[in-house]
Protein backbone atom coordinates (compact mmCIF):
# COMPACT_ATOMS: atom_id res chain seq x y z
CA LYS A 1 -7.88 68.02 -56.93
CA LYS A 2 -10.72 65.82 -57.66
CA ILE A 3 -14.11 66.77 -57.07
CA LYS A 4 -16.93 64.80 -56.43
CA TYR A 5 -20.85 65.89 -56.69
CA ARG A 6 -23.82 64.53 -55.86
CA HIS A 7 -27.13 65.31 -56.42
CA GLU A 8 -29.48 65.16 -53.46
CA GLY A 9 -32.99 66.53 -52.04
CA GLY A 10 -33.35 68.62 -55.21
CA ARG A 11 -29.64 69.95 -54.63
CA THR A 12 -25.94 69.34 -55.88
CA GLU A 13 -23.11 69.25 -53.43
CA LYS A 14 -19.75 69.23 -54.20
CA ARG A 15 -17.10 67.63 -51.96
CA PRO A 16 -13.61 66.09 -52.22
CA ALA A 17 -13.09 62.48 -53.39
CA GLY A 18 -12.99 59.82 -50.41
CA LYS A 19 -14.80 62.22 -48.11
CA SER A 20 -18.26 60.99 -47.22
CA ARG A 21 -20.82 63.31 -45.75
CA ARG A 22 -20.26 61.81 -41.98
CA GLY A 23 -16.50 61.33 -42.78
CA ASP A 24 -14.43 58.16 -42.37
CA LEU A 25 -16.06 55.74 -40.16
CA PRO A 26 -13.86 55.27 -37.03
CA GLY A 27 -11.68 52.36 -36.32
CA LYS A 28 -11.55 51.20 -39.89
CA LYS A 29 -8.24 49.89 -40.64
CA SER A 30 -6.18 49.22 -43.80
CA ASP A 31 -5.78 46.06 -45.42
CA THR A 32 -1.94 45.44 -44.05
CA ASP A 33 -3.69 46.16 -40.75
CA CYS A 34 -6.24 43.42 -41.17
CA GLN A 35 -3.80 41.27 -42.34
CA ASP A 36 -1.66 41.28 -39.54
CA GLU A 37 -4.79 40.82 -37.27
CA LEU A 38 -5.73 37.95 -38.83
CA LYS A 39 -1.94 36.41 -38.44
CA SER A 40 -2.27 37.18 -34.92
CA LEU A 41 -5.41 35.42 -34.76
CA SER A 42 -4.22 32.39 -36.09
CA ARG A 43 -1.62 32.12 -34.09
CA PHE A 44 -3.62 32.74 -30.88
CA PRO A 45 -4.28 28.97 -30.82
CA ASP A 46 -0.65 28.48 -30.66
CA GLU A 47 0.05 30.55 -27.92
CA ASP A 48 -2.59 28.65 -25.37
CA PRO A 49 -0.57 26.61 -22.83
CA SER A 50 -3.33 24.37 -23.00
CA PRO A 51 -4.38 21.66 -25.49
CA VAL A 52 -6.52 22.34 -28.74
CA LEU A 53 -7.46 20.04 -31.03
CA ARG A 54 -9.88 19.06 -34.18
CA VAL A 55 -10.13 15.48 -34.70
CA LEU A 56 -12.04 13.11 -37.13
CA LYS A 57 -14.33 10.48 -36.17
CA ASN A 58 -11.28 7.82 -37.30
CA GLY A 59 -8.82 9.70 -34.62
CA ARG A 60 -7.13 11.86 -37.26
CA VAL A 61 -6.38 15.28 -36.43
CA ILE A 62 -6.70 18.01 -38.75
CA TYR A 63 -5.52 20.64 -36.16
CA HIS A 64 -3.60 20.53 -32.86
CA ASN A 65 -1.45 23.35 -31.39
CA LYS A 66 1.93 22.68 -29.82
CA ALA A 67 0.67 22.24 -26.29
CA SER A 68 -1.55 18.88 -27.60
CA GLU A 69 1.51 17.35 -28.99
CA SER A 70 2.01 15.23 -26.41
CA LEU A 71 -1.68 13.89 -26.72
CA LEU A 72 -0.60 12.39 -29.99
CA VAL A 73 0.71 9.23 -31.24
CA SER A 74 2.08 8.86 -34.83
CA GLY A 75 -0.09 7.40 -37.45
CA ARG A 76 0.88 4.96 -40.30
CA ASN A 77 2.19 7.68 -42.57
CA LYS A 78 5.15 9.34 -41.52
CA GLY A 79 4.30 12.60 -40.36
CA LEU A 80 0.45 12.34 -39.56
CA LYS A 81 -0.63 12.44 -35.92
CA VAL A 82 -3.36 10.89 -34.33
CA PHE A 83 -5.41 10.41 -31.54
CA PRO A 84 -4.92 7.36 -29.16
CA ALA A 85 -6.99 4.57 -29.96
CA GLU A 86 -8.14 4.02 -26.75
CA TYR A 87 -10.13 7.22 -26.59
CA ARG A 88 -11.17 7.13 -30.12
CA HIS A 89 -14.50 5.76 -29.18
CA LEU A 90 -15.22 8.72 -26.92
CA ILE A 91 -15.19 10.91 -30.50
CA ALA A 92 -17.80 8.98 -31.82
CA GLU A 93 -19.99 8.88 -28.73
CA CYS A 94 -19.58 12.70 -28.29
CA MET A 95 -20.73 13.33 -32.39
CA LYS A 96 -23.78 10.55 -31.64
CA LYS A 97 -24.70 12.04 -28.47
CA GLY A 98 -24.24 15.52 -29.60
CA SER A 99 -23.40 16.69 -26.00
CA ILE A 100 -19.99 17.42 -24.02
CA LEU A 101 -17.92 14.59 -22.97
CA ASN A 102 -15.53 15.02 -20.25
CA ILE A 103 -12.41 12.64 -19.27
CA GLU A 104 -8.99 12.77 -17.39
CA TYR A 105 -6.28 11.80 -19.99
CA MET A 106 -3.03 10.60 -18.31
CA GLY A 107 0.16 11.92 -20.09
CA PHE A 108 3.55 10.93 -20.11
CA ASN A 109 4.33 13.62 -17.09
CA GLN A 110 1.32 15.58 -16.98
CA VAL A 111 -2.48 15.02 -16.46
CA PHE A 112 -4.63 16.52 -18.59
CA LEU A 113 -9.05 17.56 -18.14
CA LEU A 114 -10.19 16.73 -22.01
CA HIS A 115 -13.68 18.19 -22.94
CA PHE A 116 -14.76 16.72 -26.28
CA ILE A 117 -17.17 19.33 -27.54
CA PRO A 118 -19.10 18.36 -30.60
CA VAL A 119 -20.00 20.63 -33.51
CA ARG A 120 -23.45 20.50 -35.14
CA GLY A 121 -23.21 19.47 -38.79
CA ALA A 122 -19.41 18.65 -39.03
CA ASP A 123 -17.99 15.52 -39.16
CA TYR A 124 -15.41 16.19 -36.10
CA VAL A 125 -15.00 17.39 -32.73
CA ASN A 126 -13.28 20.28 -30.97
CA ILE A 127 -11.30 19.03 -28.05
CA TYR A 128 -10.13 21.54 -25.46
CA GLY A 129 -7.72 20.38 -22.60
CA SER A 130 -6.55 22.01 -19.43
CA ASP A 131 -3.60 20.52 -17.20
CA ILE A 132 -4.56 19.52 -13.91
CA THR A 133 -1.41 17.83 -12.53
CA HIS A 134 -0.96 20.22 -9.67
CA LEU A 135 -4.82 19.38 -8.66
CA LYS A 136 -3.78 15.74 -8.83
CA ILE A 137 -1.02 15.58 -6.83
CA LEU A 138 -2.82 17.98 -3.82
CA GLU A 139 -5.51 15.02 -4.22
CA GLN A 140 -2.85 12.62 -3.66
CA ARG A 141 -1.47 14.31 -0.98
CA MET A 142 -4.86 14.69 0.79
CA LEU A 143 -5.53 11.30 0.22
CA MET A 144 -1.73 10.03 2.03
CA ALA A 145 -2.90 12.63 4.89
CA ARG A 146 -6.57 10.98 5.37
CA LYS A 147 -4.55 7.74 5.44
CA GLU A 148 -1.86 8.84 7.84
CA ARG A 149 -4.87 10.45 10.08
CA GLU A 150 -7.00 7.31 10.06
CA ASP A 151 -3.66 5.09 10.90
CA LEU A 152 -2.89 7.37 13.89
CA ILE A 153 -6.43 7.09 15.14
CA SER A 154 -6.42 3.27 14.49
CA GLN A 155 -3.22 2.91 16.39
CA LEU A 156 -4.61 5.11 19.48
CA ARG A 157 -7.39 2.53 19.24
CA ILE A 158 -5.28 -0.17 19.43
CA SER A 159 -3.21 1.40 22.48
CA GLU A 160 -6.43 1.85 24.17
CA LYS A 161 -7.40 -1.66 23.82
CA LEU A 162 -4.19 -2.87 24.83
CA GLY A 163 -4.34 -1.03 28.20
CA ILE A 164 -7.64 -2.93 28.88
CA ILE A 165 -6.04 -6.14 27.84
CA ALA A 166 -2.86 -5.54 30.41
CA GLU A 167 -5.28 -5.04 33.31
CA ILE A 168 -7.27 -8.48 32.51
CA SER A 169 -3.69 -9.75 32.11
CA ALA A 170 -2.74 -8.83 35.36
CA GLN A 171 -5.61 -10.53 37.18
CA ILE A 172 -4.98 -13.57 34.60
CA ALA A 173 -1.24 -13.82 35.47
CA HIS A 174 -1.89 -13.45 39.45
CA GLU A 175 -4.51 -16.20 39.45
CA PHE A 176 -2.05 -18.43 37.04
CA ARG A 177 1.35 -17.82 39.22
CA ASN A 178 0.09 -19.44 42.39
CA PRO A 179 -1.26 -23.19 40.87
CA LEU A 180 1.95 -22.87 38.81
CA ALA A 181 4.42 -22.25 41.70
CA SER A 182 2.66 -25.12 43.60
CA ILE A 183 2.97 -27.42 40.10
CA ILE A 184 6.64 -26.52 39.94
CA GLY A 185 7.40 -27.29 43.78
CA VAL A 186 5.43 -30.14 44.00
CA LEU A 187 8.03 -31.61 41.03
CA ASP A 188 11.17 -30.32 43.12
CA ILE A 189 9.92 -32.14 45.73
CA LEU A 190 9.53 -35.46 43.86
CA GLU A 191 12.58 -35.40 42.06
CA ASP A 192 14.33 -34.76 45.37
CA GLU A 193 12.76 -37.74 47.54
CA MET A 194 11.93 -40.23 44.62
CA VAL A 195 14.18 -41.88 42.07
CA PHE A 196 12.81 -42.18 39.14
CA PRO A 197 13.90 -45.12 36.31
CA PRO A 198 15.73 -42.81 33.41
CA GLU A 199 12.99 -43.83 30.60
CA LYS A 200 10.34 -41.99 33.25
CA LYS A 201 12.87 -39.51 34.64
CA LYS A 202 12.62 -37.51 30.93
CA TYR A 203 9.04 -37.18 31.32
CA ILE A 204 9.72 -35.14 34.60
CA ASP A 205 12.00 -33.14 33.21
CA ILE A 206 9.27 -32.27 30.31
CA ILE A 207 6.81 -31.47 32.67
CA ASN A 208 9.15 -29.54 35.21
CA GLN A 209 10.36 -27.68 31.75
CA GLU A 210 6.94 -26.77 30.53
CA ALA A 211 5.61 -25.88 33.65
CA ASN A 212 8.01 -23.18 33.89
CA ARG A 213 7.81 -22.20 30.44
CA ILE A 214 4.14 -21.52 31.12
CA LYS A 215 5.09 -19.63 33.74
CA CYS A 216 7.37 -17.36 31.66
CA LEU A 217 4.49 -17.14 28.99
CA VAL A 218 2.29 -15.75 31.14
CA ASP A 219 4.91 -13.38 32.71
CA GLN A 220 6.18 -12.15 29.20
CA THR A 221 2.59 -11.69 27.90
CA PHE A 222 1.67 -9.42 30.88
CA SER A 223 5.19 -7.66 30.40
CA VAL A 224 4.49 -7.23 26.44
CA LEU A 225 1.01 -5.65 27.14
CA LYS A 226 2.68 -3.20 29.01
CA LYS A 227 3.39 0.17 27.23
CA THR A 228 7.38 -0.30 27.87
CA THR A 229 9.10 -3.57 28.09
CA PRO A 230 12.34 -4.17 29.27
CA VAL A 231 14.28 -6.46 27.12
CA SER A 232 17.19 -8.71 28.19
CA ARG A 233 19.53 -9.43 25.28
CA ILE A 234 22.04 -12.59 25.67
CA ARG A 235 24.35 -13.65 22.93
CA VAL A 236 23.69 -17.02 21.18
CA ASN A 237 24.64 -19.20 19.07
CA THR A 238 22.62 -19.23 15.90
CA GLN A 239 22.50 -23.05 15.07
CA ASP A 240 22.15 -24.16 18.78
CA TYR A 241 19.28 -21.75 19.24
CA PHE A 242 17.35 -23.25 16.37
CA ASN A 243 17.91 -26.33 17.02
CA GLU A 244 16.86 -26.21 20.34
CA LEU A 245 13.67 -24.27 19.12
CA ILE A 246 12.68 -26.78 16.67
CA ARG A 247 12.72 -29.45 19.52
CA LEU A 248 10.83 -27.23 21.49
CA LEU A 249 8.17 -26.59 19.16
CA SER A 250 8.52 -30.51 17.93
CA LEU A 251 6.34 -30.75 21.71
CA LEU A 252 3.69 -28.78 20.55
CA PRO A 253 -0.05 -30.55 20.63
CA GLU A 254 -0.86 -31.75 16.93
CA SER A 255 2.86 -31.18 15.78
CA GLY A 256 3.34 -35.28 15.23
CA ARG A 257 1.17 -34.52 12.11
CA ILE A 258 3.28 -32.40 10.31
CA ARG A 259 6.38 -31.83 8.87
CA LEU A 260 8.50 -29.28 10.67
CA SER A 261 11.68 -27.96 9.25
CA LEU A 262 14.31 -25.39 9.35
CA SER A 263 16.52 -23.72 6.75
CA CYS A 264 19.16 -21.16 7.57
CA SER A 265 21.11 -19.62 4.48
CA THR A 266 22.69 -16.78 6.53
CA ARG A 267 26.33 -16.68 7.57
CA LEU A 268 25.24 -15.15 10.89
CA GLU A 269 26.85 -16.91 13.87
CA HIS A 270 25.41 -15.55 17.07
CA LEU A 271 22.61 -13.56 17.65
CA ASN A 272 22.20 -10.75 20.17
CA ILE A 273 18.57 -11.17 21.52
CA ASP A 274 15.92 -12.15 24.12
CA PRO A 275 15.59 -15.75 23.35
CA GLY A 276 12.67 -16.20 25.54
CA LEU A 277 10.95 -13.81 23.64
CA LEU A 278 11.70 -14.89 20.23
CA LYS A 279 10.79 -18.38 20.91
CA GLU A 280 7.35 -16.89 21.94
CA VAL A 281 6.84 -15.10 18.43
CA PHE A 282 7.99 -18.45 16.83
CA ALA A 283 5.54 -20.63 19.05
CA ARG A 284 2.30 -18.24 18.56
CA LEU A 285 3.14 -18.36 14.99
CA VAL A 286 3.52 -22.09 14.71
CA GLU A 287 0.83 -22.56 16.93
CA ASN A 288 -1.16 -20.77 14.44
CA SER A 289 -0.18 -22.79 11.31
CA LEU A 290 -0.78 -26.04 13.64
CA GLU A 291 -4.74 -25.05 13.80
CA ALA A 292 -4.80 -23.97 10.40
CA ILE A 293 -3.16 -27.12 8.41
CA GLY A 294 -5.15 -29.38 9.09
CA PRO A 295 -4.84 -33.23 9.52
CA SER A 296 -1.30 -32.93 7.16
CA GLY A 297 0.78 -30.19 5.99
CA THR A 298 4.45 -28.80 6.04
CA ILE A 299 5.64 -26.11 8.58
CA GLU A 300 9.40 -24.77 7.27
CA ILE A 301 11.43 -21.67 9.55
CA ILE A 302 13.78 -20.06 7.00
CA VAL A 303 16.69 -17.65 8.09
CA PHE A 304 18.27 -15.51 5.71
CA ASP A 305 20.22 -12.57 5.24
CA LEU A 306 19.36 -9.37 3.06
CA GLY A 307 22.47 -7.53 4.04
CA GLU A 308 21.07 -4.59 6.13
CA SER A 309 18.45 -6.89 7.61
CA VAL A 310 18.03 -10.54 8.68
CA CYS A 311 14.74 -12.27 8.08
CA PHE A 312 13.02 -14.86 9.66
CA SER A 313 10.14 -16.62 8.10
CA VAL A 314 7.04 -19.10 8.87
CA LYS A 315 5.73 -21.00 6.27
CA ASP A 316 3.16 -23.26 6.18
CA SER A 317 0.94 -25.11 3.42
CA GLY A 318 -2.24 -24.08 4.87
CA PRO A 319 -5.59 -23.04 3.41
CA GLY A 320 -4.16 -19.38 3.50
CA ILE A 321 -5.98 -15.88 4.75
CA ARG A 322 -8.36 -13.87 2.38
CA GLU A 323 -6.76 -11.05 1.40
CA GLU A 324 -9.13 -8.49 3.19
CA ASP A 325 -8.47 -10.51 6.37
CA ILE A 326 -4.37 -9.97 5.71
CA LYS A 327 -4.91 -6.67 6.68
CA ARG A 328 -6.29 -6.60 10.20
CA VAL A 329 -4.58 -9.92 11.26
CA PHE A 330 -2.71 -8.35 14.09
CA ARG A 331 -5.15 -6.02 15.43
CA PRO A 332 -6.16 -7.01 19.12
CA PHE A 333 -9.28 -8.79 19.44
CA TYR A 334 -9.45 -9.74 15.41
CA THR A 335 -9.55 -13.56 15.09
CA THR A 336 -11.46 -16.21 12.33
CA LYS A 337 -11.32 -18.57 14.91
CA THR A 338 -14.20 -20.17 16.64
CA ASN A 339 -12.10 -20.29 20.03
CA GLY A 340 -10.01 -17.57 19.68
CA ALA A 341 -8.81 -14.38 21.59
CA GLY A 342 -7.71 -12.52 18.73
CA LEU A 343 -4.16 -11.52 20.85
CA GLY A 344 -1.68 -14.07 19.66
CA LEU A 345 -0.39 -11.99 16.35
CA THR A 346 -0.78 -8.64 18.59
CA ILE A 347 1.91 -10.11 21.28
CA VAL A 348 4.11 -11.20 17.88
CA LYS A 349 3.75 -7.64 16.33
CA ARG A 350 4.94 -6.01 19.95
CA ILE A 351 7.94 -8.66 20.66
CA VAL A 352 9.11 -7.82 16.99
CA GLY A 353 8.84 -4.22 17.66
CA PHE A 354 11.13 -4.59 20.54
CA PHE A 355 13.91 -5.32 18.62
CA ASN A 356 13.09 -2.52 15.89
CA GLY A 357 11.92 -4.93 13.65
CA GLN A 358 9.14 -5.43 11.16
CA ILE A 359 6.50 -8.31 10.60
CA GLU A 360 4.21 -8.55 7.56
CA CYS A 361 2.02 -11.51 6.35
CA LYS A 362 1.79 -13.11 2.95
CA SER A 363 -0.97 -15.47 1.78
CA VAL A 364 -2.68 -17.05 -0.87
CA LEU A 365 -5.87 -18.89 -0.90
CA GLY A 366 -5.15 -22.69 -1.11
CA LYS A 367 -1.30 -22.29 -1.25
CA GLY A 368 -0.71 -21.37 2.33
CA THR A 369 0.65 -18.15 4.30
CA GLU A 370 3.93 -17.15 5.48
CA PHE A 371 5.03 -14.50 7.99
CA ILE A 372 8.18 -12.63 7.11
CA MET A 373 10.24 -10.43 10.18
CA LYS A 374 13.08 -8.32 9.30
CA PHE A 375 15.38 -7.44 11.93
CA PRO A 376 17.94 -4.79 11.40
CA VAL A 377 21.33 -6.29 11.65
CA ASP A 378 22.84 -4.61 14.46
CA GLU A 379 19.56 -5.63 16.45
CA VAL A 380 20.53 -9.14 16.48
CA SER A 381 24.01 -9.80 15.46
CA ALA A 382 26.92 -9.41 17.91
């Protein structure tokens, strides 16, 4: 056994080789243990479920773990991975400023928050990421919930306004009914006591018909603005109905200066509807188009089939509606007209809703506006 001699402070000690005066250092590891620990530490970034990268200024990746593979793209050389070109300017910006940059990166199925961290004196940056997909999903859900809440509040406000309108309409309807009844009564007396030439009789018939139509409109407008409205359904022939509709619409003021046409491509032979209410819808939409078109233009009524729904479209060649106004056209009292009341399209939407239908407005400035109504087939067919 080897003996080690040590001379210290005028005395000589002997102790076994390999022993220090204070004994072995605590925690001292063998070379094998150190190598195993180094290997374990080298695997640490790869075991991290979050992206870890080291990227040069030109976008070349000199290190990345497995979690960051979805962030990279293939370079020109086979097997070479590079950072996406649209984000490389951030690397240069980070190195120039010497400060941390944070960005959101949209992956294929994930959203990452990436932290660009500069290293002083180095020609690269370290990038650390965290998966925030679940946070973005929660954020979207919160936005949707907020929108639904805002829509509900908006609907409540509209219902409140409609209640006020209904009260006003009741007064207006009462004031209109008496003079209309007088006009219709006088016309009946004239027809009974006087004989008109055929060319004059048709004008009396038109006056009588339109006076009765005004009376119906007053009654329907009042009933439409109630919370519940009974809808009477009658089986009518599609072709006959729209021929009659075109004839009535051609009697509208200012209709003579435009071209009004009907296009029907559906095989639906009959409609099971309330013909008076649907005519009211078309009349209001066409009146809106007439006011918007100006001196001349076209209005086209289109009927087409989408399988599970039947669509009615009123399309004009007017100046169009601004995008910010499209979302508000169906709101009560909203109007861009000088003398408008802002109730026409509110009534239209409410009538369409009676048949479980939907209505939308499409418009392009300078090209025109189109109102499309969609009704379930079982709601309008017979």
